[in-house]
PDB file of all heavy atoms in Angstrom:
ATOM      1  N   SER A   1     130.651 120.957  93.308  1.00  0.00           N
ATOM      2  CA  SER A   1     131.066 121.374  94.640  1.00  0.00           C
ATOM      3  C   SER A   1     130.239 120.684  95.721  1.00  0.00           C
ATOM      4  O   SER A   1     130.747 120.414  96.817  1.00  0.00           O
ATOM      5  CB  SER A   1     130.962 122.888  94.790  1.00  0.00           C
ATOM      6  OG  SER A   1     129.634 123.340  94.594  1.00  0.00           O
ATOM      7  N   GLU A   2     128.986 120.371  95.411  1.00  0.00           N
ATOM      8  CA  GLU A   2     128.115 119.694  96.355  1.00  0.00           C
ATOM      9  C   GLU A   2     128.567 118.272  96.671  1.00  0.00           C
ATOM     10  O   GLU A   2     128.088 117.670  97.632  1.00  0.00           O
ATOM     11  CB  GLU A   2     126.675 119.642  95.829  1.00  0.00           C
ATOM     12  CG  GLU A   2     126.089 120.996  95.476  1.00  0.00           C
ATOM     13  CD  GLU A   2     126.264 121.341  94.011  1.00  0.00           C
ATOM     14  OE1 GLU A   2     127.369 121.799  93.648  1.00  0.00           O
ATOM     15  OE2 GLU A   2     125.308 121.146  93.230  1.00  0.00           O
ATOM     16  N   ASP A   3     129.477 117.726  95.866  1.00  0.00           N
ATOM     17  CA  ASP A   3     129.994 116.388  96.112  1.00  0.00           C
ATOM     18  C   ASP A   3     131.106 116.376  97.148  1.00  0.00           C
ATOM     19  O   ASP A   3     131.569 115.303  97.542  1.00  0.00           O
ATOM     20  CB  ASP A   3     130.513 115.774  94.813  1.00  0.00           C
ATOM     21  CG  ASP A   3     129.421 115.580  93.774  1.00  0.00           C
ATOM     22  OD1 ASP A   3     128.319 115.137  94.141  1.00  0.00           O
ATOM     23  OD2 ASP A   3     129.676 115.873  92.591  1.00  0.00           O
ATOM     24  N   THR A   4     131.549 117.541  97.571  1.00  0.00           N
ATOM     25  CA  THR A   4     132.611 117.629  98.566  1.00  0.00           C
ATOM     26  C   THR A   4     132.170 116.986  99.872  1.00  0.00           C
ATOM     27  O   THR A   4     131.150 117.364 100.447  1.00  0.00           O
ATOM     28  CB  THR A   4     133.007 119.085  98.813  1.00  0.00           C
ATOM     29  OG1 THR A   4     133.559 119.639  97.616  1.00  0.00           O
ATOM     30  CG2 THR A   4     134.046 119.189  99.923  1.00  0.00           C
ATOM     31  N   ALA A   5     132.928 116.004 100.330  1.00  0.00           N
ATOM     32  CA  ALA A   5     132.577 115.274 101.540  1.00  0.00           C
ATOM     33  C   ALA A   5     133.664 114.256 101.848  1.00  0.00           C
ATOM     34  O   ALA A   5     134.553 113.997 101.037  1.00  0.00           O
ATOM     35  CB  ALA A   5     131.233 114.560 101.382  1.00  0.00           C
ATOM     36  N   LEU A   6     133.565 113.679 103.022  1.00  0.00           N
ATOM     37  CA  LEU A   6     134.361 112.519 103.370  1.00  0.00           C
ATOM     38  C   LEU A   6     133.580 111.292 102.902  1.00  0.00           C
ATOM     39  O   LEU A   6     132.437 111.086 103.317  1.00  0.00           O
ATOM     40  CB  LEU A   6     134.609 112.460 104.875  1.00  0.00           C
ATOM     41  CG  LEU A   6     135.563 111.382 105.383  1.00  0.00           C
ATOM     42  CD1 LEU A   6     136.967 111.617 104.843  1.00  0.00           C
ATOM     43  CD2 LEU A   6     135.580 111.367 106.907  1.00  0.00           C
ATOM     44  N   TYR A   7     134.189 110.509 102.039  1.00  0.00           N
ATOM     45  CA  TYR A   7     133.519 109.354 101.451  1.00  0.00           C
ATOM     46  C   TYR A   7     133.921 108.084 102.184  1.00  0.00           C
ATOM     47  O   TYR A   7     135.108 107.797 102.353  1.00  0.00           O
ATOM     48  CB  TYR A   7     133.859 109.233  99.964  1.00  0.00           C
ATOM     49  CG  TYR A   7     133.084 110.196  99.110  1.00  0.00           C
ATOM     50  CD1 TYR A   7     133.343 111.560  99.158  1.00  0.00           C
ATOM     51  CD2 TYR A   7     132.072 109.750  98.261  1.00  0.00           C
ATOM     52  CE1 TYR A   7     132.616 112.451  98.387  1.00  0.00           C
ATOM     53  CE2 TYR A   7     131.346 110.632  97.484  1.00  0.00           C
ATOM     54  CZ  TYR A   7     131.627 111.981  97.555  1.00  0.00           C
ATOM     55  OH  TYR A   7     130.904 112.860  96.781  1.00  0.00           O
ATOM     56  N   TYR A   8     132.915 107.325 102.599  1.00  0.00           N
ATOM     57  CA  TYR A   8     133.123 106.099 103.343  1.00  0.00           C
ATOM     58  C   TYR A   8     132.706 104.888 102.529  1.00  0.00           C
ATOM     59  O   TYR A   8     131.668 104.905 101.865  1.00  0.00           O
ATOM     60  CB  TYR A   8     132.303 106.095 104.636  1.00  0.00           C
ATOM     61  CG  TYR A   8     132.708 107.123 105.657  1.00  0.00           C
ATOM     62  CD1 TYR A   8     132.092 108.360 105.698  1.00  0.00           C
ATOM     63  CD2 TYR A   8     133.690 106.834 106.596  1.00  0.00           C
ATOM     64  CE1 TYR A   8     132.442 109.303 106.646  1.00  0.00           C
ATOM     65  CE2 TYR A   8     134.045 107.770 107.551  1.00  0.00           C
ATOM     66  CZ  TYR A   8     133.421 109.000 107.570  1.00  0.00           C
ATOM     67  OH  TYR A   8     133.772 109.931 108.519  1.00  0.00           O
ATOM     68  N   CYS A   9     133.489 103.845 102.615  1.00  0.00           N
ATOM     69  CA  CYS A   9     133.124 102.544 102.090  1.00  0.00           C
ATOM     70  C   CYS A   9     132.515 101.723 103.216  1.00  0.00           C
ATOM     71  O   CYS A   9     132.947 101.818 104.367  1.00  0.00           O
ATOM     72  CB  CYS A   9     134.362 101.847 101.527  1.00  0.00           C
ATOM     73  SG  CYS A   9     134.076 100.180 100.902  1.00  0.00           S
ATOM     74  N   ALA A  10     131.516 100.926 102.895  1.00  0.00           N
ATOM     75  CA  ALA A  10     130.849 100.106 103.894  1.00  0.00           C
ATOM     76  C   ALA A  10     130.496  98.749 103.304  1.00  0.00           C
ATOM     77  O   ALA A  10     130.372  98.603 102.087  1.00  0.00           O
ATOM     78  CB  ALA A  10     129.591 100.800 104.414  1.00  0.00           C
ATOM     79  N   ALA A  11     130.313  97.764 104.173  1.00  0.00           N
ATOM     80  CA  ALA A  11     129.968  96.416 103.748  1.00  0.00           C
ATOM     81  C   ALA A  11     128.888  95.829 104.638  1.00  0.00           C
ATOM     82  O   ALA A  11     128.813  96.127 105.831  1.00  0.00           O
ATOM     83  CB  ALA A  11     131.205  95.515 103.760  1.00  0.00           C
ATOM     84  N   ARG A  12     128.056  94.990 104.038  1.00  0.00           N
ATOM     85  CA  ARG A  12     127.027  94.281 104.761  1.00  0.00           C
ATOM     86  C   ARG A  12     126.812  92.924 104.116  1.00  0.00           C
ATOM     87  O   ARG A  12     126.986  92.779 102.896  1.00  0.00           O
ATOM     88  CB  ARG A  12     125.705  95.058 104.768  1.00  0.00           C
ATOM     89  CG  ARG A  12     125.142  95.329 103.372  1.00  0.00           C
ATOM     90  CD  ARG A  12     123.887  96.180 103.424  1.00  0.00           C
ATOM     91  NE  ARG A  12     122.755  95.434 103.928  1.00  0.00           N
ATOM     92  CZ  ARG A  12     121.867  94.791 103.169  1.00  0.00           C
ATOM     93  NH1 ARG A  12     121.983  94.817 101.841  1.00  0.00           N
ATOM     94  NH2 ARG A  12     120.865  94.140 103.736  1.00  0.00           N
ATOM     95  N   PHE A  13     126.445  91.954 104.910  1.00  0.00           N
ATOM     96  CA  PHE A  13     126.100  90.658 104.350  1.00  0.00           C
ATOM     97  C   PHE A  13     124.743  90.753 103.675  1.00  0.00           C
ATOM     98  O   PHE A  13     123.790  91.306 104.229  1.00  0.00           O
ATOM     99  CB  PHE A  13     126.086  89.590 105.436  1.00  0.00           C
ATOM    100  CG  PHE A  13     127.445  89.281 105.978  1.00  0.00           C
ATOM    101  CD1 PHE A  13     127.802  89.669 107.256  1.00  0.00           C
ATOM    102  CD2 PHE A  13     128.369  88.605 105.200  1.00  0.00           C
ATOM    103  CE1 PHE A  13     129.057  89.384 107.758  1.00  0.00           C
ATOM    104  CE2 PHE A  13     129.632  88.321 105.686  1.00  0.00           C
ATOM    105  CZ  PHE A  13     129.981  88.711 106.966  1.00  0.00           C
ATOM    106  N   ALA A  14     124.672  90.213 102.470  1.00  0.00           N
ATOM    107  CA  ALA A  14     123.439  90.263 101.699  1.00  0.00           C
ATOM    108  C   ALA A  14     123.469  89.190 100.627  1.00  0.00           C
ATOM    109  O   ALA A  14     124.521  88.899 100.059  1.00  0.00           O
ATOM    110  CB  ALA A  14     123.267  91.634 101.049  1.00  0.00           C
ATOM    111  N   TYR A  15     122.318  88.624 100.365  1.00  0.00           N
ATOM    112  CA  TYR A  15     122.231  87.620  99.312  1.00  0.00           C
ATOM    113  C   TYR A  15     121.817  88.251  97.987  1.00  0.00           C
ATOM    114  O   TYR A  15     122.462  88.067  96.968  1.00  0.00           O
ATOM    115  CB  TYR A  15     121.260  86.508  99.724  1.00  0.00           C
ATOM    116  CG  TYR A  15     121.809  85.644 100.821  1.00  0.00           C
ATOM    117  CD1 TYR A  15     121.518  85.906 102.157  1.00  0.00           C
ATOM    118  CD2 TYR A  15     122.639  84.573 100.528  1.00  0.00           C
ATOM    119  CE1 TYR A  15     122.041  85.126 103.170  1.00  0.00           C
ATOM    120  CE2 TYR A  15     123.163  83.779 101.529  1.00  0.00           C
ATOM    121  CZ  TYR A  15     122.859  84.062 102.853  1.00  0.00           C
ATOM    122  OH  TYR A  15     123.390  83.269 103.850  1.00  0.00           O
ATOM    123  N   ASN A  16     120.735  89.002  98.018  1.00  0.00           N
ATOM    124  CA  ASN A  16     120.276  89.664  96.807  1.00  0.00           C
ATOM    125  C   ASN A  16     119.389  90.853  97.163  1.00  0.00           C
ATOM    126  O   ASN A  16     118.376  91.096  96.511  1.00  0.00           O
ATOM    127  CB  ASN A  16     119.526  88.691  95.896  1.00  0.00           C
ATOM    128  CG  ASN A  16     119.392  89.206  94.480  1.00  0.00           C
ATOM    129  OD1 ASN A  16     120.228  89.962  93.990  1.00  0.00           O
ATOM    130  ND2 ASN A  16     118.330  88.788  93.798  1.00  0.00           N
ATOM    131  N   SER A  17     119.784  91.587  98.174  1.00  0.00           N
ATOM    132  CA  SER A  17     118.983  92.712  98.624  1.00  0.00           C
ATOM    133  C   SER A  17     119.799  93.991  98.640  1.00  0.00           C
ATOM    134  O   SER A  17     121.011  93.978  98.878  1.00  0.00           O
ATOM    135  CB  SER A  17     118.396  92.450 100.013  1.00  0.00           C
ATOM    136  OG  SER A  17     119.421  92.299 100.979  1.00  0.00           O
ATOM    137  N   ILE A  18     119.113  95.095  98.398  1.00  0.00           N
ATOM    138  CA  ILE A  18     119.721  96.418  98.375  1.00  0.00           C
ATOM    139  C   ILE A  18     119.303  97.185  99.627  1.00  0.00           C
ATOM    140  O   ILE A  18     118.154  97.134 100.050  1.00  0.00           O
ATOM    141  CB  ILE A  18     119.280  97.204  97.127  1.00  0.00           C
ATOM    142  CG1 ILE A  18     119.899  96.607  95.862  1.00  0.00           C
ATOM    143  CG2 ILE A  18     119.620  98.680  97.255  1.00  0.00           C
ATOM    144  CD1 ILE A  18     121.367  96.909  95.702  1.00  0.00           C
ATOM    145  N   SER A  19     120.252  97.903 100.224  1.00  0.00           N
ATOM    146  CA  SER A  19     119.936  98.788 101.326  1.00  0.00           C
ATOM    147  C   SER A  19     120.644 100.115 101.142  1.00  0.00           C
ATOM    148  O   SER A  19     121.830 100.155 100.791  1.00  0.00           O
ATOM    149  CB  SER A  19     120.323  98.182 102.666  1.00  0.00           C
ATOM    150  OG  SER A  19     120.030  99.083 103.720  1.00  0.00           O
ATOM    151  N   THR A  20     119.916 101.204 101.389  1.00  0.00           N
ATOM    152  CA  THR A  20     120.486 102.545 101.342  1.00  0.00           C
ATOM    153  C   THR A  20     120.681 103.122 102.734  1.00  0.00           C
ATOM    154  O   THR A  20     121.078 104.282 102.872  1.00  0.00           O
ATOM    155  CB  THR A  20     119.596 103.482 100.523  1.00  0.00           C
ATOM    156  OG1 THR A  20     118.309 103.597 101.153  1.00  0.00           O
ATOM    157  CG2 THR A  20     119.396 102.946  99.109  1.00  0.00           C
ATOM    158  N   SER A  21     120.419 102.335 103.753  1.00  0.00           N
ATOM    159  CA  SER A  21     120.504 102.787 105.134  1.00  0.00           C
ATOM    160  C   SER A  21     121.884 102.502 105.707  1.00  0.00           C
ATOM    161  O   SER A  21     122.358 101.370 105.665  1.00  0.00           O
ATOM    162  CB  SER A  21     119.433 102.100 105.978  1.00  0.00           C
ATOM    163  OG  SER A  21     119.586 102.411 107.347  1.00  0.00           O
ATOM    164  N   SER A  22     122.512 103.524 106.266  1.00  0.00           N
ATOM    165  CA  SER A  22     123.827 103.335 106.864  1.00  0.00           C
ATOM    166  C   SER A  22     123.789 102.340 108.009  1.00  0.00           C
ATOM    167  O   SER A  22     124.760 101.622 108.254  1.00  0.00           O
ATOM    168  CB  SER A  22     124.393 104.673 107.342  1.00  0.00           C
ATOM    169  OG  SER A  22     123.564 105.259 108.332  1.00  0.00           O
ATOM    170  N   GLY A  23     122.659 102.263 108.701  1.00  0.00           N
ATOM    171  CA  GLY A  23     122.521 101.354 109.822  1.00  0.00           C
ATOM    172  C   GLY A  23     122.549  99.893 109.427  1.00  0.00           C
ATOM    173  O   GLY A  23     122.766  99.025 110.282  1.00  0.00           O
ATOM    174  N   ALA A  24     122.326  99.595 108.162  1.00  0.00           N
ATOM    175  CA  ALA A  24     122.327  98.220 107.689  1.00  0.00           C
ATOM    176  C   ALA A  24     123.730  97.694 107.411  1.00  0.00           C
ATOM    177  O   ALA A  24     123.899  96.490 107.227  1.00  0.00           O
ATOM    178  CB  ALA A  24     121.467  98.097 106.440  1.00  0.00           C
ATOM    179  N   TYR A  25     124.699  98.575 107.375  1.00  0.00           N
ATOM    180  CA  TYR A  25     126.061  98.191 107.036  1.00  0.00           C
ATOM    181  C   TYR A  25     126.890  98.009 108.302  1.00  0.00           C
ATOM    182  O   TYR A  25     127.003  98.928 109.119  1.00  0.00           O
ATOM    183  CB  TYR A  25     126.692  99.233 106.111  1.00  0.00           C
ATOM    184  CG  TYR A  25     126.049  99.249 104.748  1.00  0.00           C
ATOM    185  CD1 TYR A  25     124.835  99.881 104.541  1.00  0.00           C
ATOM    186  CD2 TYR A  25     126.658  98.607 103.671  1.00  0.00           C
ATOM    187  CE1 TYR A  25     124.224  99.871 103.297  1.00  0.00           C
ATOM    188  CE2 TYR A  25     126.064  98.603 102.420  1.00  0.00           C
ATOM    189  CZ  TYR A  25     124.844  99.238 102.243  1.00  0.00           C
ATOM    190  OH  TYR A  25     124.258  99.227 100.998  1.00  0.00           O
ATOM    191  N   ALA A  26     127.458  96.837 108.444  1.00  0.00           N
ATOM    192  CA  ALA A  26     128.144  96.475 109.674  1.00  0.00           C
ATOM    193  C   ALA A  26     129.604  96.907 109.716  1.00  0.00           C
ATOM    194  O   ALA A  26     130.166  97.096 110.802  1.00  0.00           O
ATOM    195  CB  ALA A  26     128.061  94.964 109.888  1.00  0.00           C
ATOM    196  N   TYR A  27     130.217  97.066 108.563  1.00  0.00           N
ATOM    197  CA  TYR A  27     131.646  97.358 108.498  1.00  0.00           C
ATOM    198  C   TYR A  27     131.899  98.633 107.719  1.00  0.00           C
ATOM    199  O   TYR A  27     131.291  98.876 106.678  1.00  0.00           O
ATOM    200  CB  TYR A  27     132.395  96.188 107.856  1.00  0.00           C
ATOM    201  CG  TYR A  27     132.105  94.865 108.522  1.00  0.00           C
ATOM    202  CD1 TYR A  27     131.222  93.965 107.952  1.00  0.00           C
ATOM    203  CD2 TYR A  27     132.709  94.543 109.734  1.00  0.00           C
ATOM    204  CE1 TYR A  27     130.942  92.760 108.575  1.00  0.00           C
ATOM    205  CE2 TYR A  27     132.431  93.339 110.358  1.00  0.00           C
ATOM    206  CZ  TYR A  27     131.550  92.451 109.776  1.00  0.00           C
ATOM    207  OH  TYR A  27     131.269  91.256 110.392  1.00  0.00           O
ATOM    208  N   TRP A  28     132.819  99.433 108.227  1.00  0.00           N
ATOM    209  CA  TRP A  28     133.092 100.747 107.651  1.00  0.00           C
ATOM    210  C   TRP A  28     134.586 101.019 107.558  1.00  0.00           C
ATOM    211  O   TRP A  28     135.364 100.615 108.426  1.00  0.00           O
ATOM    212  CB  TRP A  28     132.449 101.846 108.498  1.00  0.00           C
ATOM    213  CG  TRP A  28     130.963 101.811 108.473  1.00  0.00           C
ATOM    214  CD1 TRP A  28     130.146 101.010 109.210  1.00  0.00           C
ATOM    215  CD2 TRP A  28     130.115 102.612 107.649  1.00  0.00           C
ATOM    216  NE1 TRP A  28     128.826 101.262 108.894  1.00  0.00           N
ATOM    217  CE2 TRP A  28     128.782 102.237 107.952  1.00  0.00           C
ATOM    218  CE3 TRP A  28     130.346 103.602 106.701  1.00  0.00           C
ATOM    219  CZ2 TRP A  28     127.685 102.830 107.318  1.00  0.00           C
ATOM    220  CZ3 TRP A  28     129.268 104.192 106.076  1.00  0.00           C
ATOM    221  CH2 TRP A  28     127.946 103.803 106.388  1.00  0.00           C
ATOM    222  N   GLY A  29     134.964 101.717 106.497  1.00  0.00           N
ATOM    223  CA  GLY A  29     136.323 102.193 106.381  1.00  0.00           C
ATOM    224  C   GLY A  29     136.500 103.512 107.101  1.00  0.00           C
ATOM    225  O   GLY A  29     135.571 104.060 107.703  1.00  0.00           O
ATOM    226  N   GLN A  30     137.718 104.034 107.049  1.00  0.00           N
ATOM    227  CA  GLN A  30     138.038 105.281 107.731  1.00  0.00           C
ATOM    228  C   GLN A  30     137.631 106.521 106.950  1.00  0.00           C
ATOM    229  O   GLN A  30     137.534 107.605 107.517  1.00  0.00           O
ATOM    230  CB  GLN A  30     139.539 105.351 108.033  1.00  0.00           C
ATOM    231  CG  GLN A  30     140.020 104.337 109.058  1.00  0.00           C
ATOM    232  CD  GLN A  30     139.558 104.680 110.454  1.00  0.00           C
ATOM    233  OE1 GLN A  30     138.471 104.299 110.879  1.00  0.00           O
ATOM    234  NE2 GLN A  30     140.382 105.407 111.179  1.00  0.00           N
ATOM    235  N   GLY A  31     137.393 106.365 105.674  1.00  0.00           N
ATOM    236  CA  GLY A  31     136.976 107.469 104.842  1.00  0.00           C
ATOM    237  C   GLY A  31     138.114 108.063 104.039  1.00  0.00           C
ATOM    238  O   GLY A  31     139.270 108.009 104.442  1.00  0.00           O
ATOM    239  N   THR A  32     137.768 108.636 102.903  1.00  0.00           N
ATOM    240  CA  THR A  32     138.724 109.347 102.076  1.00  0.00           C
ATOM    241  C   THR A  32     138.089 110.661 101.635  1.00  0.00           C
ATOM    242  O   THR A  32     136.934 110.703 101.227  1.00  0.00           O
ATOM    243  CB  THR A  32     139.167 108.493 100.864  1.00  0.00           C
ATOM    244  OG1 THR A  32     140.188 109.182 100.130  1.00  0.00           O
ATOM    245  CG2 THR A  32     138.006 108.173  99.938  1.00  0.00           C
TER     246      THR A  32
END
């Protein structure tokens, strides 16, 4: 039940780095 949420897809340019920050992602979907 804790997984209930609006889920968003996001994209960022990256060569070989990981980011968990929403601010690092430049493009976003509308959510499902």
